[in-house]
Amino acid sequence: MNIPTQLPLDPPAVTTNSSPNQRAQN
């Protein structure tokens, strides 16, 4: 239940910071 809830919250956070930068670091 925690995994599905975090997945949707991850996309919005990455977009606000830096899709290319955040994705590379992740």
PDB file of N, CA and C in Angstrom:
ATOM      1  N   MET A   1       0.837  -1.208   0.000  1.00  0.00           N
ATOM      2  CA  MET A   1       0.000   0.000   0.000  1.00  0.00           C
ATOM      3  C   MET A   1       0.876   1.264   0.000  1.00  0.00           C
ATOM      4  N   ASN A   2       2.061   1.136   0.548  1.00  0.00           N
ATOM      5  CA  ASN A   2       2.967   2.291   0.612  1.00  0.00           C
ATOM      6  C   ASN A   2       3.627   2.535  -0.744  1.00  0.00           C
ATOM      7  N   ILE A   3       3.904   1.471  -1.457  1.00  0.00           N
ATOM      8  CA  ILE A   3       4.574   1.597  -2.765  1.00  0.00           C
ATOM      9  C   ILE A   3       3.685   2.353  -3.767  1.00  0.00           C
ATOM     10  N   PRO A   4       2.426   1.983  -3.901  1.00  0.00           N
ATOM     11  CA  PRO A   4       1.516   2.655  -4.846  1.00  0.00           C
ATOM     12  C   PRO A   4       1.283   4.117  -4.481  1.00  0.00           C
ATOM     13  N   THR A   5       1.282   4.403  -3.219  1.00  0.00           N
ATOM     14  CA  THR A   5       1.046   5.786  -2.765  1.00  0.00           C
ATOM     15  C   THR A   5       2.272   6.651  -3.045  1.00  0.00           C
ATOM     16  N   GLN A   6       3.441   6.046  -2.978  1.00  0.00           N
ATOM     17  CA  GLN A   6       4.677   6.817  -3.200  1.00  0.00           C
ATOM     18  C   GLN A   6       4.926   7.029  -4.702  1.00  0.00           C
ATOM     19  N   LEU A   7       4.497   6.100  -5.500  1.00  0.00           N
ATOM     20  CA  LEU A   7       4.720   6.202  -6.945  1.00  0.00           C
ATOM     21  C   LEU A   7       4.076   7.476  -7.518  1.00  0.00           C
ATOM     22  N   PRO A   8       2.817   7.696  -7.242  1.00  0.00           N
ATOM     23  CA  PRO A   8       2.108   8.884  -7.749  1.00  0.00           C
ATOM     24  C   PRO A   8       2.690  10.179  -7.169  1.00  0.00           C
ATOM     25  N   LEU A   9       3.237  10.095  -5.984  1.00  0.00           N
ATOM     26  CA  LEU A   9       3.789  11.295  -5.336  1.00  0.00           C
ATOM     27  C   LEU A   9       5.189  11.598  -5.882  1.00  0.00           C
ATOM     28  N   ASP A  10       5.824  10.599  -6.444  1.00  0.00           N
ATOM     29  CA  ASP A  10       7.188  10.772  -6.986  1.00  0.00           C
ATOM     30  C   ASP A  10       7.195  11.619  -8.275  1.00  0.00           C
ATOM     31  N   PRO A  11       6.323  11.319  -9.204  1.00  0.00           N
ATOM     32  CA  PRO A  11       6.264  12.053 -10.479  1.00  0.00           C
ATOM     33  C   PRO A  11       6.114  13.562 -10.289  1.00  0.00           C
ATOM     34  N   PRO A  12       5.171  14.014  -9.503  1.00  0.00           N
ATOM     35  CA  PRO A  12       4.945  15.453  -9.274  1.00  0.00           C
ATOM     36  C   PRO A  12       6.166  16.129  -8.644  1.00  0.00           C
ATOM     37  N   ALA A  13       6.800  15.445  -7.716  1.00  0.00           N
ATOM     38  CA  ALA A  13       7.969  16.022  -7.025  1.00  0.00           C
ATOM     39  C   ALA A  13       9.128  16.160  -8.014  1.00  0.00           C
ATOM     40  N   VAL A  14       9.298  15.170  -8.870  1.00  0.00           N
ATOM     41  CA  VAL A  14      10.403  15.195  -9.841  1.00  0.00           C
ATOM     42  C   VAL A  14      10.187  16.316 -10.857  1.00  0.00           C
ATOM     43  N   THR A  15       8.964  16.507 -11.255  1.00  0.00           N
ATOM     44  CA  THR A  15       8.649  17.535 -12.267  1.00  0.00           C
ATOM     45  C   THR A  15       8.896  18.935 -11.694  1.00  0.00           C
ATOM     46  N   THR A  16       8.624  19.089 -10.408  1.00  0.00           N
ATOM     47  CA  THR A  16       8.793  20.407  -9.781  1.00  0.00           C
ATOM     48  C   THR A  16      10.283  20.726  -9.642  1.00  0.00           C
ATOM     49  N   ASN A  17      11.075  19.698  -9.365  1.00  0.00           N
ATOM     50  CA  ASN A  17      12.520  19.912  -9.179  1.00  0.00           C
ATOM     51  C   ASN A  17      13.226  19.957 -10.539  1.00  0.00           C
ATOM     52  N   SER A  18      13.419  18.798 -11.137  1.00  0.00           N
ATOM     53  CA  SER A  18      14.108  18.730 -12.425  1.00  0.00           C
ATOM     54  C   SER A  18      14.008  17.309 -12.985  1.00  0.00           C
ATOM     55  N   SER A  19      13.153  17.104 -13.930  1.00  0.00           N
ATOM     56  CA  SER A  19      12.942  15.759 -14.493  1.00  0.00           C
ATOM     57  C   SER A  19      14.282  15.092 -14.857  1.00  0.00           C
ATOM     58  N   PRO A  20      15.118  15.736 -15.662  1.00  0.00           N
ATOM     59  CA  PRO A  20      16.400  15.174 -16.100  1.00  0.00           C
ATOM     60  C   PRO A  20      17.390  15.070 -14.946  1.00  0.00           C
ATOM     61  N   ASN A  21      17.442  16.086 -14.123  1.00  0.00           N
ATOM     62  CA  ASN A  21      18.394  16.096 -13.005  1.00  0.00           C
ATOM     63  C   ASN A  21      17.985  15.118 -11.917  1.00  0.00           C
ATOM     64  N   GLN A  22      16.719  15.179 -11.513  1.00  0.00           N
ATOM     65  CA  GLN A  22      16.234  14.306 -10.438  1.00  0.00           C
ATOM     66  C   GLN A  22      16.272  12.854 -10.896  1.00  0.00           C
ATOM     67  N   ARG A  23      15.916  12.619 -12.127  1.00  0.00           N
ATOM     68  CA  ARG A  23      15.869  11.246 -12.644  1.00  0.00           C
ATOM     69  C   ARG A  23      17.290  10.649 -12.683  1.00  0.00           C
ATOM     70  N   ALA A  24      18.245  11.436 -13.040  1.00  0.00           N
ATOM     71  CA  ALA A  24      19.633  10.969 -13.131  1.00  0.00           C
ATOM     72  C   ALA A  24      20.160  10.635 -11.743  1.00  0.00           C
ATOM     73  N   GLN A  25      19.771  11.442 -10.761  1.00  0.00           N
ATOM     74  CA  GLN A  25      20.262  11.218  -9.399  1.00  0.00           C
ATOM     75  C   GLN A  25      19.558  10.016  -8.785  1.00  0.00           C
ATOM     76  N   ASN A  26      18.270   9.866  -9.105  1.00  0.00           N
ATOM     77  CA  ASN A  26      17.491   8.753  -8.560  1.00  0.00           C
ATOM     78  C   ASN A  26      18.021   7.460  -9.150  1.00  0.00           C
TER      79      ASN A  26
END
